[in-house]
Amino acid sequence: MRRRFARVLALTAAAVGAAVIPLTAFGPATAHAVIGGHPVEISRTPWAVALSSRDRFGPERSGQFCGGVLVAPSTVLTAAHCLSEAVLGTPRERLTDLRAIAGRGDLLSKRGREIAVRRMWVNPGYDIGTNAGDFAVLTLAAPLPASSVIPMARAGDAAYRPGTVGAVYGWGDTTGTGDYARTLRASNVRILPDSVCEKAYPGSEEGTYAARTMVCAGEPAGGRDACQGDSGGPLVARGKVIGLVSWGSGCGHAGNPGVYTRISEIAGALGRAR
């Protein structure tokens, strides 16, 4: 969740200086992922992918800096802000080693595949001020199995109904204090009424909640949420991806739910991105 650069969910290149970072900087392998999370076996979630650039973020944890979700054999969705210069520390056009890592739950392992990104399409309508339109489409140089793809929820799908329990996936900060997981984790979150996020984010330097293009999810009392490093990862409910980790305020704080890019608003853009 991007918090107007106060809480960018990707590790910024400025922070890591593209240098090798000791594993201890990311916390123990047994730490819960996201906030209030639990371990996930990657074979059960083959659509969850890690975005990697060792040039920008160092070799530890396979160079992971954001998440993504496989919605077609050669198509990964992620957050637009993951590909911003503020996160990468360089214009995205100069990023020569961007990879999508699939089938690797443990970032210190050699399992799975690292596939080069052949094309990056960042939503030209992305608004850095309000956080609206926070999505990008990556085209892979080689396809992954069709069995690894997760369906996208369309407008009106029951998965968007308030009260539905979903899960957010990622390799990000586990405590809100820079303890990054090495293995994929998930946190169960509840889809909340739009009015909850409209009240929490009526319009400020953090962003503005817009029900048509965003999804509100978390727990009213806090404790379960995405955090830094989870950006672009999937919010899944009823067997479909319904959102991408985008922004919010703090990690798992009461009264500040997570805000996700609404997947039903992305479907129409996929044709233009391919």
Protein backbone atom coordinates (compact mmCIF):
# COMPACT_ATOMS: atom_id res chain seq x y z
CA MET A 1 0.00 0.00 0.00
CA ARG A 2 1.49 3.21 -1.15
CA ARG A 3 1.10 6.01 1.40
CA ARG A 4 2.06 9.10 -0.62
CA PHE A 5 5.74 8.05 -0.33
CA ALA A 6 5.40 8.02 3.46
CA ARG A 7 4.58 4.34 3.19
CA VAL A 8 5.63 3.03 -0.20
CA LEU A 9 4.95 -0.70 -0.21
CA ALA A 10 7.95 -1.48 -2.33
CA LEU A 11 11.48 -1.20 -1.00
CA THR A 12 12.82 1.97 -2.56
CA ALA A 13 16.09 1.86 -4.40
CA ALA A 14 17.13 4.93 -2.45
CA ALA A 15 16.76 2.93 0.75
CA VAL A 16 18.78 -0.05 -0.40
CA GLY A 17 21.17 1.72 -2.74
CA ALA A 18 21.10 -1.32 -5.04
CA ALA A 19 23.56 -2.93 -2.65
CA VAL A 20 23.60 -6.35 -1.07
CA ILE A 21 21.39 -6.32 2.04
CA PRO A 22 22.01 -8.83 4.86
CA LEU A 23 19.21 -11.32 5.34
CA THR A 24 18.82 -10.15 8.92
CA ALA A 25 17.54 -6.84 7.60
CA PHE A 26 14.37 -8.62 6.52
CA GLY A 27 13.63 -10.48 9.74
CA PRO A 28 13.47 -14.21 10.47
CA ALA A 29 12.06 -16.66 7.96
CA THR A 30 9.41 -17.70 10.48
CA ALA A 31 7.90 -14.23 10.84
CA HIS A 32 4.28 -13.75 9.78
CA ALA A 33 3.90 -12.17 6.37
CA VAL A 34 1.89 -9.12 5.65
CA ILE A 35 0.27 -8.04 8.92
CA GLY A 36 -1.45 -10.81 10.89
CA GLY A 37 -0.52 -13.38 8.25
CA HIS A 38 0.23 -17.08 7.90
CA PRO A 39 2.49 -19.21 5.65
CA VAL A 40 1.25 -20.21 2.19
CA GLU A 41 2.43 -23.07 0.00
CA ILE A 42 3.23 -21.64 -3.43
CA SER A 43 1.94 -24.76 -5.21
CA ARG A 44 -1.54 -23.81 -4.02
CA THR A 45 -1.19 -20.21 -5.18
CA PRO A 46 0.75 -20.46 -8.48
CA TRP A 47 -0.74 -17.17 -9.66
CA ALA A 48 1.13 -15.19 -6.96
CA VAL A 49 4.41 -13.88 -8.42
CA ALA A 50 7.27 -11.79 -7.09
CA LEU A 51 8.74 -8.91 -9.08
CA SER A 52 12.51 -8.86 -9.01
CA SER A 53 15.42 -6.60 -9.95
CA ARG A 54 18.75 -7.59 -8.47
CA ASP A 55 20.40 -4.57 -10.10
CA ARG A 56 18.18 -2.22 -8.10
CA PHE A 57 17.50 -4.18 -4.90
CA GLY A 58 20.41 -6.57 -4.46
CA PRO A 59 20.59 -10.38 -4.63
CA GLU A 60 19.07 -11.19 -1.24
CA ARG A 61 15.50 -12.47 -1.38
CA SER A 62 15.94 -12.90 -5.15
CA GLY A 63 15.79 -9.10 -5.63
CA GLN A 64 12.06 -9.02 -4.75
CA PHE A 65 10.54 -5.56 -4.36
CA CYS A 66 6.84 -5.89 -5.28
CA GLY A 67 4.20 -8.50 -5.97
CA GLY A 68 2.03 -9.36 -8.94
CA VAL A 69 -0.67 -11.76 -10.09
CA LEU A 70 -0.83 -13.95 -13.19
CA VAL A 71 -4.11 -13.36 -15.06
CA ALA A 72 -3.09 -14.94 -18.39
CA PRO A 73 -0.16 -17.24 -19.27
CA SER A 74 1.99 -14.27 -20.33
CA THR A 75 0.27 -11.45 -18.40
CA VAL A 76 1.02 -10.21 -14.87
CA LEU A 77 -0.84 -7.37 -13.17
CA THR A 78 0.92 -5.20 -10.60
CA ALA A 79 0.70 -1.69 -9.13
CA ALA A 80 1.69 1.30 -11.27
CA HIS A 81 3.62 2.83 -8.39
CA CYS A 82 5.89 -0.24 -8.30
CA LEU A 83 7.34 0.93 -11.61
CA SER A 84 7.75 4.57 -10.62
CA GLU A 85 11.12 6.27 -10.44
CA ALA A 86 10.44 6.97 -6.76
CA VAL A 87 10.43 3.22 -6.07
CA LEU A 88 12.98 2.01 -8.62
CA GLY A 89 15.45 4.86 -8.17
CA THR A 90 15.74 5.10 -11.95
CA PRO A 91 13.35 5.59 -14.87
CA ARG A 92 11.66 2.27 -15.64
CA GLU A 93 12.96 2.42 -19.20
CA ARG A 94 16.45 1.85 -17.77
CA LEU A 95 15.42 -1.22 -15.80
CA THR A 96 17.08 -4.02 -17.76
CA ASP A 97 16.69 -6.99 -15.43
CA LEU A 98 13.02 -6.93 -14.40
CA ARG A 99 11.81 -10.48 -13.79
CA ALA A 100 8.60 -12.17 -12.69
CA ILE A 101 9.38 -15.04 -10.33
CA ALA A 102 6.78 -17.80 -10.33
CA GLY A 103 6.65 -20.99 -8.28
CA ARG A 104 9.13 -19.75 -5.64
CA GLY A 105 7.53 -19.32 -2.24
CA ASP A 106 10.90 -19.14 -0.47
CA LEU A 107 12.85 -16.29 -2.00
CA LEU A 108 16.15 -17.80 -0.86
CA SER A 109 15.53 -20.99 -2.82
CA LYS A 110 16.12 -21.77 -6.50
CA ARG A 111 12.66 -23.22 -7.06
CA GLY A 112 10.34 -22.04 -9.79
CA ARG A 113 11.11 -19.87 -12.80
CA GLU A 114 12.43 -16.37 -13.33
CA ILE A 115 10.95 -14.96 -16.52
CA ALA A 116 12.06 -11.74 -18.16
CA VAL A 117 9.47 -9.02 -18.69
CA ARG A 118 9.20 -8.29 -22.40
CA ARG A 119 6.94 -5.27 -22.08
CA MET A 120 5.79 -2.88 -19.35
CA TRP A 121 2.54 -0.94 -19.76
CA VAL A 122 1.77 1.51 -16.98
CA ASN A 123 -1.73 2.94 -16.86
CA PRO A 124 -1.42 6.47 -18.31
CA GLY A 125 -4.37 7.49 -16.16
CA TYR A 126 -2.60 6.70 -12.89
CA ASP A 127 -2.96 9.70 -10.57
CA ILE A 128 -0.13 9.98 -8.05
CA GLY A 129 -2.14 12.46 -5.99
CA THR A 130 -5.33 10.45 -5.45
CA ASN A 131 -3.81 6.98 -6.15
CA ALA A 132 -6.54 6.30 -8.71
CA GLY A 133 -5.71 3.91 -11.55
CA ASP A 134 -2.81 2.28 -9.72
CA PHE A 135 -2.11 -0.64 -12.03
CA ALA A 136 0.34 -1.81 -14.65
CA VAL A 137 0.44 -4.75 -17.04
CA LEU A 138 3.58 -6.81 -17.61
CA THR A 139 3.97 -9.06 -20.64
CA LEU A 140 6.29 -12.00 -20.03
CA ALA A 141 8.90 -13.19 -22.51
CA ALA A 142 7.69 -16.78 -22.07
CA PRO A 143 4.30 -18.11 -20.98
CA LEU A 144 3.53 -19.88 -17.75
CA PRO A 145 1.06 -22.81 -17.63
CA ALA A 146 -2.58 -21.92 -18.08
CA SER A 147 -3.25 -23.86 -14.88
CA SER A 148 -1.34 -21.17 -12.97
CA VAL A 149 -3.73 -18.39 -14.01
CA ILE A 150 -6.37 -17.01 -11.63
CA PRO A 151 -9.65 -15.58 -12.98
CA MET A 152 -10.44 -11.90 -12.62
CA ALA A 153 -13.65 -10.81 -10.90
CA ARG A 154 -15.93 -8.72 -13.09
CA ALA A 155 -18.20 -5.89 -12.04
CA GLY A 156 -21.06 -7.10 -9.86
CA ASP A 157 -19.28 -10.27 -8.75
CA ALA A 158 -20.36 -11.50 -5.31
CA ALA A 159 -16.71 -11.48 -4.23
CA TYR A 160 -16.92 -7.67 -3.90
CA ARG A 161 -19.78 -7.78 -1.40
CA PRO A 162 -19.01 -6.29 2.03
CA GLY A 163 -18.51 -9.00 4.61
CA THR A 164 -16.84 -11.39 2.17
CA VAL A 165 -13.62 -12.83 3.58
CA GLY A 166 -10.67 -12.70 1.22
CA ALA A 167 -6.90 -12.97 1.50
CA VAL A 168 -4.02 -10.72 0.53
CA TYR A 169 -0.71 -12.30 -0.49
CA GLY A 170 2.88 -11.06 -0.41
CA TRP A 171 6.49 -11.20 0.73
CA GLY A 172 6.45 -7.79 2.41
CA ASP A 173 6.94 -6.26 5.83
CA THR A 174 5.53 -8.46 8.60
CA THR A 175 5.40 -5.94 11.43
CA GLY A 176 5.35 -2.46 9.89
CA THR A 177 8.90 -1.89 11.11
CA GLY A 178 10.94 -3.30 8.20
CA ASP A 179 10.84 -7.03 9.01
CA TYR A 180 10.56 -8.49 5.51
CA ALA A 181 9.48 -12.10 4.98
CA ARG A 182 11.51 -14.48 2.89
CA THR A 183 8.53 -16.80 2.23
CA LEU A 184 5.10 -16.12 0.79
CA ARG A 185 2.43 -15.30 3.36
CA ALA A 186 -1.25 -14.44 3.30
CA SER A 187 -3.52 -12.49 5.63
CA ASN A 188 -7.28 -12.97 5.79
CA VAL A 189 -9.09 -9.66 5.42
CA ARG A 190 -12.73 -8.72 5.19
CA ILE A 191 -14.23 -6.74 2.31
CA LEU A 192 -15.55 -3.58 3.95
CA PRO A 193 -18.27 -1.14 2.85
CA ASP A 194 -16.98 1.67 0.68
CA SER A 195 -18.23 4.11 3.31
CA VAL A 196 -15.54 2.88 5.72
CA CYS A 197 -12.71 3.91 3.39
CA GLU A 198 -14.52 7.06 2.27
CA LYS A 199 -14.52 8.14 5.91
CA ALA A 200 -10.89 7.10 6.47
CA TYR A 201 -9.60 8.68 3.23
CA PRO A 202 -11.88 11.60 2.23
CA GLY A 203 -9.02 13.37 0.47
CA SER A 204 -5.61 14.30 1.80
CA GLU A 205 -1.94 14.01 0.92
CA GLU A 206 -2.28 10.23 1.36
CA GLY A 207 -4.92 9.88 -1.34
CA THR A 208 -8.65 9.89 -1.98
CA TYR A 209 -10.84 6.80 -1.85
CA ALA A 210 -12.97 6.30 -4.99
CA ALA A 211 -15.44 3.43 -4.77
CA ARG A 212 -15.68 2.91 -8.54
CA THR A 213 -11.99 2.09 -8.94
CA MET A 214 -10.94 0.91 -5.48
CA VAL A 215 -11.76 -1.82 -2.95
CA CYS A 216 -11.75 -1.34 0.83
CA ALA A 217 -10.54 -4.33 2.88
CA GLY A 218 -9.15 -5.10 6.32
CA GLU A 219 -10.55 -5.43 9.84
CA PRO A 220 -12.31 -2.59 11.70
CA ALA A 221 -10.12 -3.24 14.75
CA GLY A 222 -6.96 -3.49 12.62
CA GLY A 223 -4.34 -6.21 12.90
CA ARG A 224 -4.64 -7.64 9.38
CA ASP A 225 -3.34 -5.79 6.35
CA ALA A 226 -0.77 -5.61 3.58
CA CYS A 227 2.40 -3.62 4.21
CA GLN A 228 5.59 -2.37 2.52
CA GLY A 229 6.85 -4.78 -0.14
CA ASP A 230 3.37 -6.24 -0.81
CA SER A 231 2.42 -3.63 -3.46
CA GLY A 232 0.90 -5.04 -6.61
CA GLY A 233 0.11 -8.36 -4.93
CA PRO A 234 -3.33 -9.94 -5.19
CA LEU A 235 -6.42 -9.64 -3.02
CA VAL A 236 -8.36 -12.85 -3.64
CA ALA A 237 -11.93 -13.79 -2.69
CA ARG A 238 -14.19 -16.62 -3.84
CA GLY A 239 -11.45 -18.04 -6.06
CA LYS A 240 -10.93 -14.82 -8.05
CA VAL A 241 -8.57 -11.88 -7.87
CA ILE A 242 -10.58 -8.80 -6.94
CA GLY A 243 -7.86 -6.25 -6.14
CA LEU A 244 -4.20 -5.27 -6.20
CA VAL A 245 -2.40 -3.96 -3.11
CA SER A 246 -2.27 -0.20 -3.61
CA TRP A 247 -2.30 2.22 -0.65
CA GLY A 248 -3.57 3.20 2.80
CA SER A 249 -2.25 4.63 6.07
CA GLY A 250 -0.02 2.58 8.33
CA CYS A 251 0.02 -1.22 8.47
CA GLY A 252 -2.93 -2.89 10.18
CA HIS A 253 -3.99 0.20 12.12
CA ALA A 254 -7.56 0.42 13.42
CA GLY A 255 -9.63 2.84 11.37
CA ASN A 256 -7.23 2.74 8.41
CA PRO A 257 -8.14 -0.20 6.15
CA GLY A 258 -6.17 -1.19 3.10
CA VAL A 259 -7.12 0.22 -0.28
CA TYR A 260 -6.84 -2.01 -3.36
CA THR A 261 -7.12 -1.28 -7.07
CA ARG A 262 -10.44 -2.78 -8.23
CA ILE A 263 -9.82 -5.56 -10.75
CA SER A 264 -13.15 -5.05 -12.54
CA GLU A 265 -11.85 -1.64 -13.64
CA ILE A 266 -8.70 -3.13 -15.17
CA ALA A 267 -10.20 -5.69 -17.54
CA GLY A 268 -10.96 -3.16 -20.25
CA ALA A 269 -7.40 -1.90 -20.28
CA LEU A 270 -5.81 -5.29 -20.90
CA GLY A 271 -6.57 -5.19 -24.61
CA ARG A 272 -4.80 -1.85 -24.96
CA ALA A 273 -1.81 -3.10 -22.99
CA ARG A 274 -1.14 -6.19 -25.08
